[in-house]
C-alpha atoms as a PDB file:
ATOM      1  CA  MET A   1     115.318  95.176  97.246  1.00  0.00           C
ATOM      2  CA  HIS A   2     115.851  98.875  97.717  1.00  0.00           C
ATOM      3  CA  PHE A   3     113.364 101.301  98.958  1.00  0.00           C
ATOM      4  CA  VAL A   4     113.633 105.088  98.163  1.00  0.00           C
ATOM      5  CA  THR A   5     111.210 107.488  99.625  1.00  0.00           C
ATOM      6  CA  GLY A   6     111.144 111.268 100.408  1.00  0.00           C
ATOM      7  CA  GLY A   7     108.896 114.267  99.863  1.00  0.00           C
ATOM      8  CA  ALA A   8     107.080 114.971  96.505  1.00  0.00           C
ATOM      9  CA  PHE A   9     109.455 116.755  93.925  1.00  0.00           C
ATOM     10  CA  ASN A  10     112.600 116.221  96.196  1.00  0.00           C
ATOM     11  CA  GLY A  11     114.566 114.318  93.503  1.00  0.00           C
ATOM     12  CA  LYS A  12     113.856 110.742  94.132  1.00  0.00           C
ATOM     13  CA  ARG A  13     113.383 109.855  90.478  1.00  0.00           C
ATOM     14  CA  LYS A  14     116.563 111.662  89.392  1.00  0.00           C
ATOM     15  CA  TRP A  15     118.645 110.116  92.291  1.00  0.00           C
ATOM     16  CA  VAL A  16     117.438 106.622  91.359  1.00  0.00           C
ATOM     17  CA  LYS A  17     118.299 107.248  87.644  1.00  0.00           C
ATOM     18  CA  ASP A  18     121.795 108.398  88.592  1.00  0.00           C
ATOM     19  CA  HIS A  19     122.450 105.790  91.359  1.00  0.00           C
ATOM     20  CA  TYR A  20     121.383 102.941  88.839  1.00  0.00           C
ATOM     21  CA  SER A  21     122.786 104.451  85.748  1.00  0.00           C
ATOM     22  CA  GLU A  22     125.383 101.725  85.215  1.00  0.00           C
ATOM     23  CA  TYR A  23     122.565  98.882  84.906  1.00  0.00           C
ATOM     24  CA  LEU A  24     121.843  98.403  81.169  1.00  0.00           C
ATOM     25  CA  SER A  25     118.718  96.260  81.359  1.00  0.00           C
ATOM     26  CA  LYS A  26     116.420  98.430  83.348  1.00  0.00           C
ATOM     27  CA  GLN A  27     112.559  98.445  83.375  1.00  0.00           C
ATOM     28  CA  TRP A  28     110.690 101.472  84.814  1.00  0.00           C
ATOM     29  CA  HIS A  29     107.100 101.205  85.844  1.00  0.00           C
ATOM     30  CA  CYS A  30     105.266 104.298  87.152  1.00  0.00           C
ATOM     31  CA  PHE A  31     102.026 103.811  89.070  1.00  0.00           C
ATOM     32  CA  TYR A  32     101.102 107.384  88.255  1.00  0.00           C
ATOM     33  CA  GLU A  33     100.505 106.201  84.757  1.00  0.00           C
ATOM     34  CA  GLU A  34      99.274 102.599  85.369  1.00  0.00           C
ATOM     35  CA  VAL A  35      98.308 100.929  88.562  1.00  0.00           C
ATOM     36  CA  HIS A  36      98.570  97.470  87.148  1.00  0.00           C
ATOM     37  CA  LEU A  37     102.115  95.981  87.298  1.00  0.00           C
ATOM     38  CA  PRO A  38     103.362  94.621  83.874  1.00  0.00           C
ATOM     39  CA  GLU A  39     105.377  91.558  83.555  1.00  0.00           C
ATOM     40  CA  LEU A  40     108.971  92.048  84.978  1.00  0.00           C
ATOM     41  CA  THR A  41     111.179  91.546  81.957  1.00  0.00           C
ATOM     42  CA  ALA A  42     114.628  93.426  83.007  1.00  0.00           C
ATOM     43  CA  SER A  43     117.182  92.363  85.501  1.00  0.00           C
ATOM     44  CA  THR A  44     116.719  95.650  87.218  1.00  0.00           C
ATOM     45  CA  VAL A  45     113.069  96.920  87.828  1.00  0.00           C
ATOM     46  CA  VAL A  46     112.064 100.432  89.165  1.00  0.00           C
ATOM     47  CA  ILE A  47     108.648 100.890  90.585  1.00  0.00           C
ATOM     48  CA  GLU A  48     107.634 104.245  91.265  1.00  0.00           C
ATOM     49  CA  GLY A  49     104.642 105.814  92.799  1.00  0.00           C
ATOM     50  CA  VAL A  50     103.821 102.920  95.375  1.00  0.00           C
ATOM     51  CA  GLU A  51     101.420 105.204  97.253  1.00  0.00           C
ATOM     52  CA  GLN A  52      99.370 105.397  94.034  1.00  0.00           C
ATOM     53  CA  TRP A  53      98.968 101.851  93.925  1.00  0.00           C
ATOM     54  CA  VAL A  54      97.871 101.825  97.650  1.00  0.00           C
ATOM     55  CA  LYS A  55      95.357 104.701  96.707  1.00  0.00           C
ATOM     56  CA  ALA A  56      93.842 102.917  93.733  1.00  0.00           C
ATOM     57  CA  GLU A  57      93.309  99.677  95.767  1.00  0.00           C
ATOM     58  CA  LEU A  58      92.069 101.564  98.646  1.00  0.00           C
ATOM     59  CA  LYS A  59      89.385 103.106  96.281  1.00  0.00           C
ATOM     60  CA  GLN A  60      88.476  99.572  95.149  1.00  0.00           C
ATOM     61  CA  LEU A  61      88.553  97.649  98.151  1.00  0.00           C
ATOM     62  CA  ARG A  62      87.632 100.251 100.836  1.00  0.00           C
ATOM     63  CA  LYS A  63      89.183  98.316 103.880  1.00  0.00           C
ATOM     64  CA  ALA A  64      92.550  99.283 104.945  1.00  0.00           C
ATOM     65  CA  GLU A  65      93.353  95.760 106.272  1.00  0.00           C
ATOM     66  CA  THR A  66      92.429  94.344 102.890  1.00  0.00           C
ATOM     67  CA  VAL A  67      94.656  96.668 100.983  1.00  0.00           C
ATOM     68  CA  ARG A  68      97.554  95.928 103.401  1.00  0.00           C
ATOM     69  CA  GLU A  69      97.175  92.297 103.160  1.00  0.00           C
ATOM     70  CA  LYS A  70      96.966  92.438  99.344  1.00  0.00           C
ATOM     71  CA  TRP A  71     100.072  94.650  99.469  1.00  0.00           C
ATOM     72  CA  LYS A  72     101.906  92.206 101.504  1.00  0.00           C
ATOM     73  CA  GLN A  73     101.038  89.306  99.017  1.00  0.00           C
ATOM     74  CA  GLN A  74     102.271  91.678  96.111  1.00  0.00           C
ATOM     75  CA  LEU A  75     105.294  92.560  97.976  1.00  0.00           C
ATOM     76  CA  GLN A  76     106.180  88.826  98.489  1.00  0.00           C
ATOM     77  CA  LEU A  77     105.737  88.110  94.826  1.00  0.00           C
ATOM     78  CA  LEU A  78     108.291  90.875  94.058  1.00  0.00           C
ATOM     79  CA  ALA A  79     110.620  89.678  96.566  1.00  0.00           C
ATOM     80  CA  ASP A  80     110.347  86.279  95.206  1.00  0.00           C
ATOM     81  CA  TRP A  81     111.009  87.460  91.719  1.00  0.00           C
ATOM     82  CA  GLU A  82     114.148  89.318  92.880  1.00  0.00           C
ATOM     83  CA  LYS A  83     115.436  86.303  94.771  1.00  0.00           C
ATOM     84  CA  GLU A  84     115.118  83.830  91.840  1.00  0.00           C
ATOM     85  CA  ASP A  85     118.214  85.415  90.113  1.00  0.00           C
ATOM     86  CA  LEU A  86     121.236  86.948  91.920  1.00  0.00           C
ATOM     87  CA  ASN A  87     121.428  89.566  89.057  1.00  0.00           C
ATOM     88  CA  ARG A  88     117.992  91.006  89.646  1.00  0.00           C
ATOM     89  CA  LYS A  89     117.344  94.149  91.496  1.00  0.00           C
ATOM     90  CA  LEU A  90     114.032  95.638  92.652  1.00  0.00           C
ATOM     91  CA  VAL A  91     113.671  99.279  93.411  1.00  0.00           C
ATOM     92  CA  LEU A  92     110.549 100.914  94.896  1.00  0.00           C
ATOM     93  CA  ILE A  93     109.944 104.514  95.110  1.00  0.00           C
ATOM     94  CA  GLY A  94     107.210 106.097  97.186  1.00  0.00           C
ATOM     95  CA  ASN A  95     106.404 109.572  98.360  1.00  0.00           C
ATOM     96  CA  ASP A  96     106.387 110.333 101.957  1.00  0.00           C
ATOM     97  CA  LEU A  97     102.866 111.338 102.888  1.00  0.00           C
ATOM     98  CA  SER A  98     103.509 111.573 106.595  1.00  0.00           C
ATOM     99  CA  LYS A  99     104.677 115.107 106.744  1.00  0.00           C
ATOM    100  CA  GLY A 100     102.447 118.140 106.593  1.00  0.00           C
ATOM    101  CA  ILE A 101      98.761 118.742 107.607  1.00  0.00           C
ATOM    102  CA  VAL A 102      96.508 115.784 108.263  1.00  0.00           C
ATOM    103  CA  PRO A 103      93.897 115.731 105.836  1.00  0.00           C
ATOM    104  CA  MET A 104      90.153 116.380 106.905  1.00  0.00           C
ATOM    105  CA  ASP A 105      88.953 113.889 104.403  1.00  0.00           C
ATOM    106  CA  SER A 106      88.589 110.506 105.900  1.00  0.00           C
ATOM    107  CA  PHE A 107      89.569 108.823 102.706  1.00  0.00           C
ATOM    108  CA  LEU A 108      92.809 110.808 102.401  1.00  0.00           C
ATOM    109  CA  ARG A 109      93.552 110.124 106.034  1.00  0.00           C
ATOM    110  CA  ASN A 110      92.950 106.380 105.497  1.00  0.00           C
ATOM    111  CA  TRP A 111      95.262 106.492 102.421  1.00  0.00           C
ATOM    112  CA  ARG A 112      98.067 108.201 104.317  1.00  0.00           C
ATOM    113  CA  ASP A 113      97.764 105.525 107.143  1.00  0.00           C
ATOM    114  CA  VAL A 114      97.611 102.577 104.828  1.00  0.00           C
ATOM    115  CA  THR A 115     100.575 103.858 102.891  1.00  0.00           C
ATOM    116  CA  GLY A 116     102.630 104.315 105.935  1.00  0.00           C
ATOM    117  CA  TRP A 117     101.846 100.672 107.088  1.00  0.00           C
ATOM    118  CA  CYS A 118     102.692  99.428 103.370  1.00  0.00           C
ATOM    119  CA  TYR A 119     105.888 101.416 103.709  1.00  0.00           C
ATOM    120  CA  GLN A 120     106.800  99.744 106.884  1.00  0.00           C
ATOM    121  CA  ASP A 121     106.200  96.335 105.090  1.00  0.00           C
ATOM    122  CA  ILE A 122     108.623  97.446 102.425  1.00  0.00           C
ATOM    123  CA  VAL A 123     111.397  98.683 104.708  1.00  0.00           C
ATOM    124  CA  HIS A 124     111.166  95.180 106.618  1.00  0.00           C
ATOM    125  CA  GLN A 125     111.673  93.498 103.162  1.00  0.00           C
ATOM    126  CA  SER A 126     114.397  95.816 101.858  1.00  0.00           C
ATOM    127  CA  GLU A 127     118.010  95.337 101.957  1.00  0.00           C
ATOM    128  CA  ARG A 128     118.557  99.189 101.549  1.00  0.00           C
ATOM    129  CA  VAL A 129     116.455 102.218 102.447  1.00  0.00           C
ATOM    130  CA  ASP A 130     117.217 105.732 101.387  1.00  0.00           C
ATOM    131  CA  ILE A 131     115.330 108.968 101.873  1.00  0.00           C
ATOM    132  CA  ILE A 132     115.749 111.623  99.575  1.00  0.00           C
ATOM    133  CA  TRP A 133     115.484 115.518 100.677  1.00  0.00           C
ATOM    134  CA  TYR A 134     116.237 118.112  98.103  1.00  0.00           C
ATOM    135  CA  GLY A 135     118.226 115.811  96.016  1.00  0.00           C
ATOM    136  CA  LEU A 136     120.382 114.455  98.753  1.00  0.00           C
ATOM    137  CA  ASN A 137     119.965 110.926  99.903  1.00  0.00           C
ATOM    138  CA  GLN A 138     120.284 109.624 103.598  1.00  0.00           C
ATOM    139  CA  GLN A 139     120.556 105.857 103.796  1.00  0.00           C
ATOM    140  CA  LEU A 140     118.558 104.559 106.593  1.00  0.00           C
ATOM    141  CA  LYS A 141     119.264 100.908 106.276  1.00  0.00           C
END
């Protein structure tokens, strides 16, 4: 599993496309467009907008602990899928929400917190973690 994070509009999508350009069988899913994960059909799967999945679940479930527990279950299913075949690769992309002004709105603050906790779960599961700022990557793990 590979986690790529960084600020909004800092080049995460382009960096992933360039970094994984040699993979012929690639499936790209964007949570900005659809919050339900489709069936994983390619050997390399990129899931973009993890923070949007968290936001949608938080709107529905309302409790941070419930969302995080559901995310841990989803993440384990994704990790298990990847481990079933040595040729499989899972790449998760998520915007860093921790920078900037803390929102006054309680829902947005909660979303920011839950996203941070879910990202910690992703980092724990990931073999590689990169942060992208201004199109440049820094490998953290």
